[in-house]
Amino acid sequence: MSRVWKSIAFAAGLALSATTVAAQAPQKGGILNSTLWPEPPGIVIGVNLNAPTLLPATKMFEGLMTYDFNLAPVPVLAESWEIAPDGLTYTFKLRRNVKWHDGKPFTAEDVVFSFNEFMPQVHSRSRPTFERVKTTAVDAHTVRLELKEPYAPLIRSFDTLSAPIMPAHLYKGTDFRANPINQTPVGTGPFKFKEWKKGEYVHLVRNDSYWQAGKPYLDAIYYRFIPDSASRALALETGQVQLAAQTDIEFVDVARLGKIPGLVVTTKGWEWNSTISWIELNNRRKPFDDPRFRRAILHALDREFIRTNIFFGLAKVATGPLHSSSPFYDPNVPAYPFDPAKASALLDEMGLKPDGGGVRARVKLLGLPYGELWSRLSEYIRQALGKVGVQVTLESSDVAGWGSRFANWDYDMTTTFLSMLADPALGVSRTYLTSNIRKGVLFTNTSGYSNPEVDALFAKAAGSTDEGERKRLYSQIQKIVAGAAPIAWLVEIQWPTIHSAKLRDAIINGFGPNDSFADAWLAK
């Protein structure tokens, strides 16, 4: 018998809030001011996937689904769906009363275009998923997805971050990245683009024609670019802004802000992301092409110090390619405890002997330009590696420059972080698959790691519907990849969201501040 999900089955998921202060009817009106730093290079998901892009973009664009705190699917642009017993066909019934922000009707053509063309071409996160799928329109409000083999993670691939539905009438037949509409985005979401004043803010306004009657409650949202971290914290304290999330607030300030009356601090709402921070190592360049050098880097770093003193406890030491929250996580992988003597021994084994100044190798580290935390992390890495004879020169860049250099492999090492998502086939494999080595595209396999055995194991795990077999396969992958150490995993980040107690129903599912905010409201 086929499996069918109806919107009513998950309606309760949208009614839950991590921050509800009291049972109170939502109030209409009000302007939400949020910090956003750094200023994003763009605000169209897929074209850009930088963390600052996602916060405003998820208010304008929507997917077929969202997912609750337990990552169960909740309908959005799809009102119901059916999966064939063999797992090879997915059929979605689409909502009929949806319009794009320019007034054009949303139809199956938009879904077909998004899944067959837009996602495989520009969306680095979802390309491996949607290359597996052929999507066709059954009628104007029904689409069918067909696979050649079962793909268990597909049901968790239809959120706004992974699969934003794009307007075919504005993108089809164009250069998606260069399309002028990227400057004035058009989506189906509860908020419409109004203005991007460079260096100051992105301004979104209420979509009065939104398909959810009576929503959104807010009149507008301003994402304000405040470069100085102390000024961002002060803006929260004084009520100039009502929301800050992820990289907006320095971790050193979180505990203090949490004690201020009228402010709420939560780490809920990041269940979907499962973020790991690491040092990306360019495996194409010497001495990074030698796994002994990469292992030496890991042994030279005190990751407990990083967790405690740089991330201020809002993190957990990472052990390898899978986040510990994953049901497929295996802790029994090759380990790299803090051991400078072991690091030095590995460098000796490579023949990298200290010169007269004690230097064994000279490398460069391109720092992530997302604030002071990342600058402190870069400085710590420089000092720690210097103690074992690896001289690190720090390089800085703006967000666009960092992204261009990283995507085009123009680096030795760089600090970064990436979401592991709800299944390893969605968020993990993209970093290690040979087929996902794509120059010029961020958040693909930028390190250049390639292992045919790992490729085959990932493919088999993604295609299996047996959870026991998948767990065994992912365990093998973790052991092989952790042993090769293609990147230096640092910590699993527990992102904080800080907001005014007057802001209600903003954190209602596993996407937290990256949800649509159709339900968010401000108490008077």
Protein backbone atom coordinates (compact mmCIF):
# COMPACT_ATOMS: atom_id res chain seq x y z
CA MET A 1 0.00 0.00 0.00
CA SER A 2 1.36 3.45 -0.88
CA ARG A 3 2.32 5.96 1.76
CA VAL A 4 0.33 9.21 1.75
CA TRP A 5 0.89 12.36 3.74
CA LYS A 6 -1.86 14.94 4.06
CA SER A 7 -1.41 18.48 5.26
CA ILE A 8 -3.74 17.90 8.20
CA ALA A 9 -1.44 15.20 9.57
CA PHE A 10 1.31 17.69 10.30
CA ALA A 11 -0.63 20.88 10.95
CA ALA A 12 0.26 20.69 14.62
CA GLY A 13 3.94 20.98 13.74
CA LEU A 14 3.49 24.58 12.68
CA ALA A 15 1.68 25.47 15.87
CA LEU A 16 4.63 24.75 18.15
CA SER A 17 7.05 27.50 19.16
CA ALA A 18 10.29 27.27 21.06
CA THR A 19 9.82 30.76 22.43
CA THR A 20 6.12 31.18 23.18
CA VAL A 21 5.87 33.15 26.41
CA ALA A 22 2.12 32.78 26.98
CA ALA A 23 -0.94 31.49 25.20
CA GLN A 24 -1.91 34.62 23.35
CA ALA A 25 -3.51 35.32 19.98
CA PRO A 26 -1.05 36.66 17.39
CA GLN A 27 -1.20 40.41 16.89
CA LYS A 28 -0.97 41.95 13.44
CA GLY A 29 1.38 44.75 12.54
CA GLY A 30 4.82 45.85 13.57
CA ILE A 31 8.25 45.96 11.96
CA LEU A 32 10.88 43.39 12.87
CA ASN A 33 14.46 44.64 12.87
CA SER A 34 17.15 41.97 12.67
CA THR A 35 20.90 42.15 12.48
CA LEU A 36 22.59 40.49 9.51
CA TRP A 37 26.34 40.23 9.30
CA PRO A 38 28.27 40.08 7.12
CA GLU A 39 26.36 41.66 4.26
CA PRO A 40 25.56 38.79 1.88
CA PRO A 41 26.85 38.61 -1.70
CA GLY A 42 23.27 37.93 -2.86
CA ILE A 43 19.83 37.04 -1.50
CA VAL A 44 18.65 34.32 -3.90
CA ILE A 45 18.99 30.77 -2.54
CA GLY A 46 20.84 28.49 -4.89
CA VAL A 47 22.62 31.31 -6.64
CA ASN A 48 24.16 32.01 -3.22
CA LEU A 49 24.28 29.67 -0.23
CA ASN A 50 26.30 31.78 2.20
CA ALA A 51 24.79 31.78 5.69
CA PRO A 52 23.85 35.52 5.55
CA THR A 53 21.98 34.91 2.28
CA LEU A 54 19.62 32.39 3.81
CA LEU A 55 18.03 34.54 6.52
CA PRO A 56 16.32 37.07 4.22
CA ALA A 57 15.92 34.66 1.28
CA THR A 58 13.81 32.18 3.25
CA LYS A 59 11.22 34.87 3.86
CA MET A 60 10.77 35.41 0.09
CA PHE A 61 11.12 31.88 -1.31
CA GLU A 62 9.43 28.62 -0.34
CA GLY A 63 9.85 24.89 -0.88
CA LEU A 64 7.28 22.16 -1.21
CA MET A 65 7.78 21.32 2.48
CA THR A 66 9.35 22.37 5.71
CA TYR A 67 10.30 20.09 8.63
CA ASP A 68 9.45 20.22 12.31
CA PHE A 69 11.86 19.94 15.27
CA ASN A 70 11.91 16.15 14.77
CA LEU A 71 12.47 16.63 11.02
CA ALA A 72 9.06 15.24 10.10
CA PRO A 73 7.72 16.79 6.85
CA VAL A 74 5.20 19.64 6.99
CA PRO A 75 3.43 20.82 3.81
CA VAL A 76 4.11 24.24 2.33
CA LEU A 77 3.66 24.64 -1.46
CA ALA A 78 2.68 20.98 -1.66
CA GLU A 79 -0.61 20.24 0.08
CA SER A 80 -0.21 16.44 -0.11
CA TRP A 81 2.11 13.81 -1.55
CA GLU A 82 2.28 10.11 -2.24
CA ILE A 83 5.25 7.76 -2.51
CA ALA A 84 4.91 4.56 -4.53
CA PRO A 85 5.59 1.30 -2.66
CA ASP A 86 8.81 0.71 -4.66
CA GLY A 87 10.11 4.18 -3.73
CA LEU A 88 10.65 5.14 -7.38
CA THR A 89 7.77 7.58 -7.86
CA TYR A 90 6.76 10.63 -5.80
CA THR A 91 3.57 12.49 -6.66
CA PHE A 92 2.87 15.97 -5.25
CA LYS A 93 -0.42 17.82 -5.27
CA LEU A 94 0.33 21.54 -5.32
CA ARG A 95 -1.61 24.40 -3.77
CA ARG A 96 -3.90 26.20 -6.21
CA ASN A 97 -4.15 29.64 -4.61
CA VAL A 98 -0.47 30.61 -4.76
CA LYS A 99 0.87 33.58 -6.70
CA TRP A 100 4.35 34.85 -7.35
CA HIS A 101 5.13 38.29 -5.98
CA ASP A 102 4.67 39.76 -9.49
CA GLY A 103 1.10 38.38 -9.62
CA LYS A 104 1.73 35.41 -11.94
CA PRO A 105 0.20 32.08 -10.81
CA PHE A 106 2.40 29.38 -9.32
CA THR A 107 2.03 26.11 -11.26
CA ALA A 108 3.62 22.72 -11.79
CA GLU A 109 5.81 24.31 -14.49
CA ASP A 110 7.71 26.16 -11.78
CA VAL A 111 8.42 22.95 -9.86
CA VAL A 112 9.50 21.09 -13.00
CA PHE A 113 11.85 23.92 -13.95
CA SER A 114 13.27 24.21 -10.43
CA PHE A 115 13.97 20.49 -10.04
CA ASN A 116 15.11 19.69 -13.60
CA GLU A 117 17.08 22.83 -14.44
CA PHE A 118 17.70 25.32 -11.67
CA MET A 119 18.78 22.96 -8.87
CA PRO A 120 21.14 20.74 -10.89
CA GLN A 121 22.86 23.76 -12.44
CA VAL A 122 23.44 26.19 -9.60
CA HIS A 123 22.49 24.66 -6.24
CA SER A 124 25.66 23.02 -4.91
CA ARG A 125 23.88 21.44 -1.95
CA SER A 126 21.09 19.81 -3.95
CA ARG A 127 22.73 19.04 -7.26
CA PRO A 128 23.59 15.41 -6.32
CA THR A 129 19.99 14.85 -5.19
CA PHE A 130 18.11 16.32 -8.14
CA GLU A 131 20.40 14.80 -10.73
CA ARG A 132 18.78 11.52 -9.65
CA VAL A 133 15.26 12.74 -10.34
CA LYS A 134 13.20 13.39 -13.46
CA THR A 135 10.24 15.68 -12.74
CA THR A 136 7.22 16.01 -15.01
CA ALA A 137 3.92 17.87 -14.80
CA VAL A 138 0.85 15.63 -14.61
CA ASP A 139 -1.39 18.70 -14.76
CA ALA A 140 -1.13 22.35 -13.74
CA HIS A 141 -1.11 21.46 -10.03
CA THR A 142 0.38 17.96 -9.91
CA VAL A 143 3.99 16.89 -10.43
CA ARG A 144 5.54 13.45 -10.60
CA LEU A 145 9.14 12.68 -9.64
CA GLU A 146 10.67 9.50 -11.01
CA LEU A 147 13.89 7.80 -9.91
CA LYS A 148 15.85 4.94 -11.44
CA GLU A 149 16.59 3.55 -7.98
CA PRO A 150 15.25 4.23 -4.48
CA TYR A 151 16.72 7.23 -2.68
CA ALA A 152 15.69 7.23 0.98
CA PRO A 153 16.73 10.85 1.78
CA LEU A 154 14.56 12.35 -0.97
CA ILE A 155 11.57 12.93 1.33
CA ARG A 156 13.77 15.28 3.37
CA SER A 157 14.99 17.24 0.35
CA PHE A 158 12.12 19.64 -0.35
CA ASP A 159 12.68 22.52 2.09
CA THR A 160 13.38 26.10 1.04
CA LEU A 161 17.11 25.86 1.72
CA SER A 162 17.57 22.65 -0.28
CA ALA A 163 14.95 23.07 -2.99
CA PRO A 164 13.58 26.60 -3.34
CA ILE A 165 10.89 26.80 -6.00
CA MET A 166 11.90 29.44 -8.55
CA PRO A 167 9.68 31.35 -11.02
CA ALA A 168 10.12 29.63 -14.39
CA HIS A 169 8.71 32.64 -16.24
CA LEU A 170 11.60 34.80 -14.97
CA TYR A 171 14.50 32.31 -15.08
CA LYS A 172 13.90 29.77 -17.82
CA GLY A 173 16.30 30.21 -20.73
CA THR A 174 18.54 32.67 -18.88
CA ASP A 175 21.95 32.58 -17.23
CA PHE A 176 20.66 31.85 -13.72
CA ARG A 177 23.61 33.45 -11.92
CA ALA A 178 23.65 36.58 -14.10
CA ASN A 179 19.88 37.08 -14.33
CA PRO A 180 19.01 40.68 -13.35
CA ILE A 181 16.02 39.39 -11.35
CA ASN A 182 18.54 38.23 -8.73
CA GLN A 183 18.76 41.90 -7.70
CA THR A 184 15.00 42.15 -7.10
CA PRO A 185 13.94 38.62 -6.09
CA VAL A 186 10.46 37.29 -6.83
CA GLY A 187 9.18 34.40 -4.73
CA THR A 188 5.96 33.04 -3.28
CA GLY A 189 6.83 33.63 0.38
CA PRO A 190 5.11 35.74 3.03
CA PHE A 191 7.44 38.69 2.46
CA LYS A 192 8.32 40.56 -0.72
CA PHE A 193 11.55 42.30 -1.64
CA LYS A 194 11.35 46.08 -1.27
CA GLU A 195 14.89 47.45 -1.22
CA TRP A 196 18.53 46.55 -0.70
CA LYS A 197 20.43 49.64 0.40
CA LYS A 198 24.04 48.55 0.12
CA GLY A 199 25.94 48.86 3.36
CA GLU A 200 22.77 49.50 5.38
CA TYR A 201 19.89 47.01 5.09
CA VAL A 202 17.67 44.63 3.15
CA HIS A 203 14.02 45.69 3.45
CA LEU A 204 11.19 43.15 3.04
CA VAL A 205 7.49 43.99 3.20
CA ARG A 206 4.32 42.02 3.87
CA ASN A 207 2.94 40.00 0.95
CA ASP A 208 -0.74 40.96 1.04
CA SER A 209 -1.55 38.20 -1.47
CA TYR A 210 0.10 35.41 0.51
CA TRP A 211 -1.63 32.04 0.19
CA GLN A 212 -2.03 31.59 3.96
CA ALA A 213 -5.00 33.81 4.74
CA GLY A 214 -4.27 36.45 7.36
CA LYS A 215 -0.52 35.86 7.31
CA PRO A 216 2.09 37.11 7.72
CA TYR A 217 1.42 39.12 10.84
CA LEU A 218 4.43 41.42 10.54
CA ASP A 219 4.24 44.47 8.26
CA ALA A 220 7.91 44.40 7.33
CA ILE A 221 11.38 43.08 8.17
CA TYR A 222 14.62 45.02 8.04
CA TYR A 223 17.88 43.05 7.98
CA ARG A 224 20.36 45.66 9.15
CA PHE A 225 24.08 45.42 8.43
CA ILE A 226 25.97 46.46 11.57
CA PRO A 227 29.69 45.77 11.07
CA ASP A 228 30.84 46.13 14.69
CA SER A 229 29.99 43.21 16.99
CA ALA A 230 29.74 45.44 20.06
CA SER A 231 27.26 47.64 18.23
CA ARG A 232 25.18 44.61 17.24
CA ALA A 233 25.02 43.47 20.85
CA LEU A 234 24.13 46.99 21.98
CA ALA A 235 21.35 47.17 19.37
CA LEU A 236 19.82 44.04 20.94
CA GLU A 237 20.19 45.37 24.47
CA THR A 238 18.53 48.68 23.64
CA GLY A 239 15.74 47.21 21.51
CA GLN A 240 16.90 48.78 18.25
CA VAL A 241 16.82 45.27 16.82
CA GLN A 242 14.68 42.39 18.01
CA LEU A 243 16.61 39.46 16.53
CA ALA A 244 20.15 38.23 15.98
CA ALA A 245 21.21 34.73 14.94
CA GLN A 246 24.13 32.52 14.04
CA THR A 247 27.16 34.67 13.11
CA ASP A 248 25.48 37.98 14.07
CA ILE A 249 26.49 37.85 17.74
CA GLU A 250 29.93 36.97 19.03
CA PHE A 251 29.80 33.88 21.19
CA VAL A 252 31.62 35.72 23.97
CA ASP A 253 28.49 37.91 24.39
CA VAL A 254 25.84 35.16 24.45
CA ALA A 255 25.87 34.35 28.18
CA ARG A 256 25.78 38.04 29.15
CA LEU A 257 22.92 38.83 26.77
CA GLY A 258 20.98 35.84 28.08
CA LYS A 259 20.85 37.47 31.53
CA ILE A 260 19.27 40.70 30.28
CA PRO A 261 15.54 40.99 31.03
CA GLY A 262 13.47 41.08 27.87
CA LEU A 263 15.90 38.99 25.80
CA VAL A 264 15.57 35.28 25.02
CA VAL A 265 18.48 33.01 24.07
CA THR A 266 17.83 29.62 22.46
CA THR A 267 19.79 27.02 20.53
CA LYS A 268 16.58 25.41 19.23
CA GLY A 269 15.73 25.78 15.57
CA TRP A 270 19.04 24.49 14.20
CA GLU A 271 18.06 20.81 14.18
CA TRP A 272 18.07 20.71 10.40
CA ASN A 273 21.54 22.22 10.06
CA SER A 274 23.74 20.07 12.33
CA THR A 275 26.72 22.32 11.64
CA ILE A 276 30.38 21.30 11.72
CA SER A 277 33.20 23.84 11.56
CA TRP A 278 36.46 22.73 10.00
CA ILE A 279 39.64 23.82 8.26
CA GLU A 280 39.34 23.09 4.57
CA LEU A 281 42.67 21.75 3.29
CA ASN A 282 43.51 21.98 -0.40
CA ASN A 283 44.50 18.38 -1.10
CA ARG A 284 45.83 19.37 -4.53
CA ARG A 285 48.72 21.38 -3.08
CA LYS A 286 51.84 20.23 -1.34
CA PRO A 287 52.26 19.42 1.49
CA PHE A 288 48.47 18.97 1.91
CA ASP A 289 48.47 16.15 -0.66
CA ASP A 290 50.15 13.95 1.97
CA PRO A 291 47.70 12.55 4.57
CA ARG A 292 50.49 12.61 7.16
CA PHE A 293 50.59 16.41 6.94
CA ARG A 294 46.83 16.62 7.32
CA ARG A 295 46.91 14.30 10.34
CA ALA A 296 49.72 16.38 11.84
CA ILE A 297 47.51 19.48 11.62
CA LEU A 298 44.77 17.73 13.57
CA HIS A 299 47.18 16.52 16.27
CA ALA A 300 48.64 20.03 16.59
CA LEU A 301 45.25 21.60 17.39
CA ASP A 302 43.75 21.59 20.88
CA ARG A 303 40.13 21.31 19.84
CA GLU A 304 38.91 21.29 23.42
CA PHE A 305 40.57 24.70 23.80
CA ILE A 306 38.79 25.83 20.62
CA ARG A 307 35.46 24.59 21.98
CA THR A 308 35.87 26.25 25.37
CA ASN A 309 37.75 29.46 24.64
CA ILE A 310 36.76 30.41 21.10
CA PHE A 311 33.22 29.04 20.88
CA PHE A 312 32.61 29.60 24.62
CA GLY A 313 31.12 26.17 25.15
CA LEU A 314 28.52 26.51 22.40
CA ALA A 315 30.11 23.61 20.55
CA LYS A 316 31.21 20.00 20.81
CA VAL A 317 34.52 18.59 19.55
CA ALA A 318 33.97 16.97 16.14
CA THR A 319 35.37 13.53 15.39
CA GLY A 320 34.92 13.19 11.64
CA PRO A 321 32.62 13.73 8.67
CA LEU A 322 29.30 13.00 10.42
CA HIS A 323 27.66 15.12 13.10
CA SER A 324 27.11 13.27 16.39
CA SER A 325 23.35 13.96 16.19
CA SER A 326 23.05 11.78 13.08
CA PRO A 327 21.52 8.32 13.58
CA PHE A 328 24.35 7.08 11.34
CA TYR A 329 27.14 8.55 13.46
CA ASP A 330 29.96 6.21 14.51
CA PRO A 331 32.34 7.50 17.22
CA ASN A 332 34.76 4.62 16.66
CA VAL A 333 36.86 6.23 13.95
CA PRO A 334 40.56 7.14 13.77
CA ALA A 335 41.06 9.80 16.44
CA TYR A 336 43.36 12.82 16.59
CA PRO A 337 43.87 13.86 20.21
CA PHE A 338 45.88 16.99 20.93
CA ASP A 339 49.45 15.70 20.67
CA PRO A 340 52.09 18.14 19.35
CA ALA A 341 54.79 15.46 19.71
CA LYS A 342 52.81 13.14 17.43
CA ALA A 343 52.33 16.01 14.96
CA SER A 344 56.08 16.65 14.94
CA ALA A 345 56.80 12.95 14.46
CA LEU A 346 54.51 12.83 11.41
CA LEU A 347 56.26 15.87 9.94
CA ASP A 348 59.64 14.25 10.60
CA GLU A 349 58.42 11.10 8.85
CA MET A 350 57.59 13.23 5.80
CA GLY A 351 61.11 14.63 5.81
CA LEU A 352 59.93 18.10 6.84
CA LYS A 353 62.81 18.92 9.19
CA PRO A 354 63.04 22.30 10.97
CA ASP A 355 65.30 24.88 9.37
CA GLY A 356 67.49 27.27 11.34
CA GLY A 357 64.40 29.19 12.41
CA GLY A 358 62.50 26.06 13.40
CA VAL A 359 60.25 26.19 10.33
CA ARG A 360 59.32 22.93 8.61
CA ALA A 361 56.74 24.24 6.13
CA ARG A 362 55.17 27.55 5.14
CA VAL A 363 51.42 27.70 4.36
CA LYS A 364 48.65 30.28 4.12
CA LEU A 365 45.29 30.40 5.92
CA LEU A 366 42.39 32.30 4.34
CA GLY A 367 40.17 33.37 7.22
CA LEU A 368 36.38 33.23 7.09
CA PRO A 369 35.25 36.90 7.09
CA TYR A 370 32.25 36.42 9.38
CA GLY A 371 33.40 38.28 12.49
CA GLU A 372 35.75 38.28 15.44
CA LEU A 373 35.21 34.63 16.42
CA TRP A 374 36.62 33.49 13.10
CA SER A 375 39.53 35.93 13.35
CA ARG A 376 40.38 34.52 16.80
CA LEU A 377 40.12 31.00 15.40
CA SER A 378 42.56 31.85 12.60
CA GLU A 379 44.99 33.38 15.08
CA TYR A 380 44.83 30.30 17.29
CA ILE A 381 45.48 28.01 14.30
CA ARG A 382 48.47 30.14 13.35
CA GLN A 383 49.92 29.89 16.85
CA ALA A 384 49.21 26.17 17.31
CA LEU A 385 50.71 25.11 13.99
CA GLY A 386 53.66 27.39 14.54
CA LYS A 387 54.56 25.40 17.64
CA VAL A 388 55.18 22.30 15.50
CA GLY A 389 57.10 24.20 12.85
CA VAL A 390 54.32 24.98 10.36
CA GLN A 391 54.53 28.71 9.71
CA VAL A 392 51.08 30.10 8.84
CA THR A 393 50.53 33.39 7.05
CA LEU A 394 47.03 34.74 7.63
CA GLU A 395 45.09 36.07 4.65
CA SER A 396 41.92 38.17 4.84
CA SER A 397 39.15 38.96 2.37
CA ASP A 398 35.60 40.23 2.16
CA VAL A 399 32.75 37.74 1.81
CA ALA A 400 32.60 37.84 -1.98
CA GLY A 401 36.38 37.56 -2.30
CA TRP A 402 36.52 34.67 0.18
CA GLY A 403 33.79 32.82 -1.69
CA SER A 404 35.46 33.33 -5.07
CA ARG A 405 38.87 32.17 -3.86
CA PHE A 406 37.43 29.19 -1.97
CA ALA A 407 35.20 28.06 -4.85
CA ASN A 408 38.04 28.38 -7.36
CA TRP A 409 40.52 26.45 -5.17
CA ASP A 410 42.76 29.51 -4.71
CA TYR A 411 43.82 28.73 -1.13
CA ASP A 412 46.03 26.50 1.01
CA MET A 413 43.71 26.34 4.02
CA THR A 414 40.54 28.18 4.93
CA THR A 415 38.20 28.13 7.91
CA THR A 416 34.56 27.39 7.16
CA PHE A 417 31.45 25.64 8.44
CA LEU A 418 28.79 23.57 6.73
CA SER A 419 25.41 22.07 7.59
CA MET A 420 25.23 18.28 7.63
CA LEU A 421 21.43 18.31 7.22
CA ALA A 422 19.02 15.49 8.02
CA ASP A 423 20.77 12.69 6.14
CA PRO A 424 24.40 12.06 5.13
CA ALA A 425 23.32 11.73 1.49
CA LEU A 426 22.07 15.34 1.61
CA GLY A 427 24.67 17.25 3.59
CA VAL A 428 27.76 15.09 4.03
CA SER A 429 28.48 13.32 0.74
CA ARG A 430 28.75 16.60 -1.21
CA THR A 431 32.04 17.36 0.57
CA TYR A 432 33.74 14.05 -0.31
CA LEU A 433 32.28 12.75 -3.60
CA THR A 434 34.63 12.84 -6.59
CA SER A 435 31.66 13.69 -8.83
CA ASN A 436 31.05 16.85 -6.79
CA ILE A 437 34.48 18.37 -7.44
CA ARG A 438 33.20 21.48 -9.22
CA LYS A 439 35.51 24.43 -9.66
CA GLY A 440 33.74 27.76 -9.20
CA VAL A 441 30.89 26.38 -7.06
CA LEU A 442 30.94 26.92 -3.31
CA PHE A 443 30.28 24.19 -0.76
CA THR A 444 31.02 21.32 -3.11
CA ASN A 445 34.07 19.03 -2.80
CA THR A 446 36.46 21.98 -2.72
CA SER A 447 39.28 20.10 -0.98
CA GLY A 448 39.70 17.81 -4.00
CA TYR A 449 39.53 14.60 -1.95
CA SER A 450 38.86 11.59 -4.16
CA ASN A 451 38.49 7.93 -3.23
CA PRO A 452 36.58 5.54 -5.54
CA GLU A 453 35.79 3.23 -2.62
CA VAL A 454 34.18 6.10 -0.70
CA ASP A 455 32.26 7.16 -3.82
CA ALA A 456 30.85 3.65 -4.20
CA LEU A 457 29.92 3.41 -0.52
CA PHE A 458 28.11 6.75 -0.60
CA ALA A 459 26.17 5.66 -3.70
CA LYS A 460 25.17 2.37 -2.13
CA ALA A 461 24.12 4.01 1.16
CA ALA A 462 22.02 6.64 -0.62
CA GLY A 463 20.21 3.99 -2.65
CA SER A 464 19.50 1.60 0.20
CA THR A 465 16.18 1.63 2.06
CA ASP A 466 17.50 -0.72 4.79
CA GLU A 467 18.45 1.46 7.78
CA GLY A 468 20.73 -1.23 9.20
CA GLU A 469 22.65 -1.52 5.94
CA ARG A 470 22.88 2.26 5.63
CA LYS A 471 24.31 2.49 9.14
CA ARG A 472 26.93 -0.12 8.31
CA LEU A 473 27.88 1.62 5.06
CA TYR A 474 28.14 5.05 6.67
CA SER A 475 30.27 3.55 9.42
CA GLN A 476 32.70 2.32 6.77
CA ILE A 477 32.73 5.74 5.15
CA GLN A 478 33.47 7.49 8.44
CA LYS A 479 36.41 5.22 9.20
CA ILE A 480 37.96 5.64 5.74
CA VAL A 481 37.45 9.39 5.52
CA ALA A 482 38.54 10.06 9.11
CA GLY A 483 41.68 8.05 8.44
CA ALA A 484 42.51 10.09 5.36
CA ALA A 485 41.75 13.39 7.15
CA PRO A 486 41.06 15.34 3.94
CA ILE A 487 39.91 18.24 6.10
CA ALA A 488 40.55 19.17 9.74
CA TRP A 489 37.26 18.84 11.62
CA LEU A 490 37.11 21.20 14.59
CA VAL A 491 33.76 21.47 16.39
CA GLU A 492 30.04 20.90 16.04
CA ILE A 493 28.54 24.36 16.49
CA GLN A 494 25.46 25.00 18.64
CA TRP A 495 24.20 28.21 17.06
CA PRO A 496 22.50 30.71 19.34
CA THR A 497 19.47 32.77 18.39
CA ILE A 498 18.82 35.85 20.54
CA HIS A 499 15.59 37.79 20.29
CA SER A 500 13.28 40.13 22.11
CA ALA A 501 10.71 38.43 24.33
CA LYS A 502 8.14 40.44 22.37
CA LEU A 503 8.96 38.45 19.24
CA ARG A 504 6.73 35.36 19.29
CA ASP A 505 6.48 32.24 17.12
CA ALA A 506 9.70 32.94 15.26
CA ILE A 507 11.37 29.64 16.21
CA ILE A 508 8.71 27.05 15.37
CA ASN A 509 10.55 24.23 13.57
CA GLY A 510 13.93 22.76 12.69
CA PHE A 511 14.85 25.78 10.56
CA GLY A 512 14.58 28.37 13.33
CA PRO A 513 15.43 31.85 12.03
CA ASN A 514 15.73 30.39 8.51
CA ASP A 515 12.00 29.64 8.47
CA SER A 516 9.57 31.87 6.56
CA PHE A 517 8.36 33.92 9.59
CA ALA A 518 4.80 33.68 8.28
CA ASP A 519 3.78 32.93 11.88
CA ALA A 520 6.09 35.41 13.64
CA TRP A 521 4.53 38.38 15.42
CA LEU A 522 5.43 41.18 17.80
CA ALA A 523 3.56 41.61 21.08
CA LYS A 524 2.57 45.20 21.70
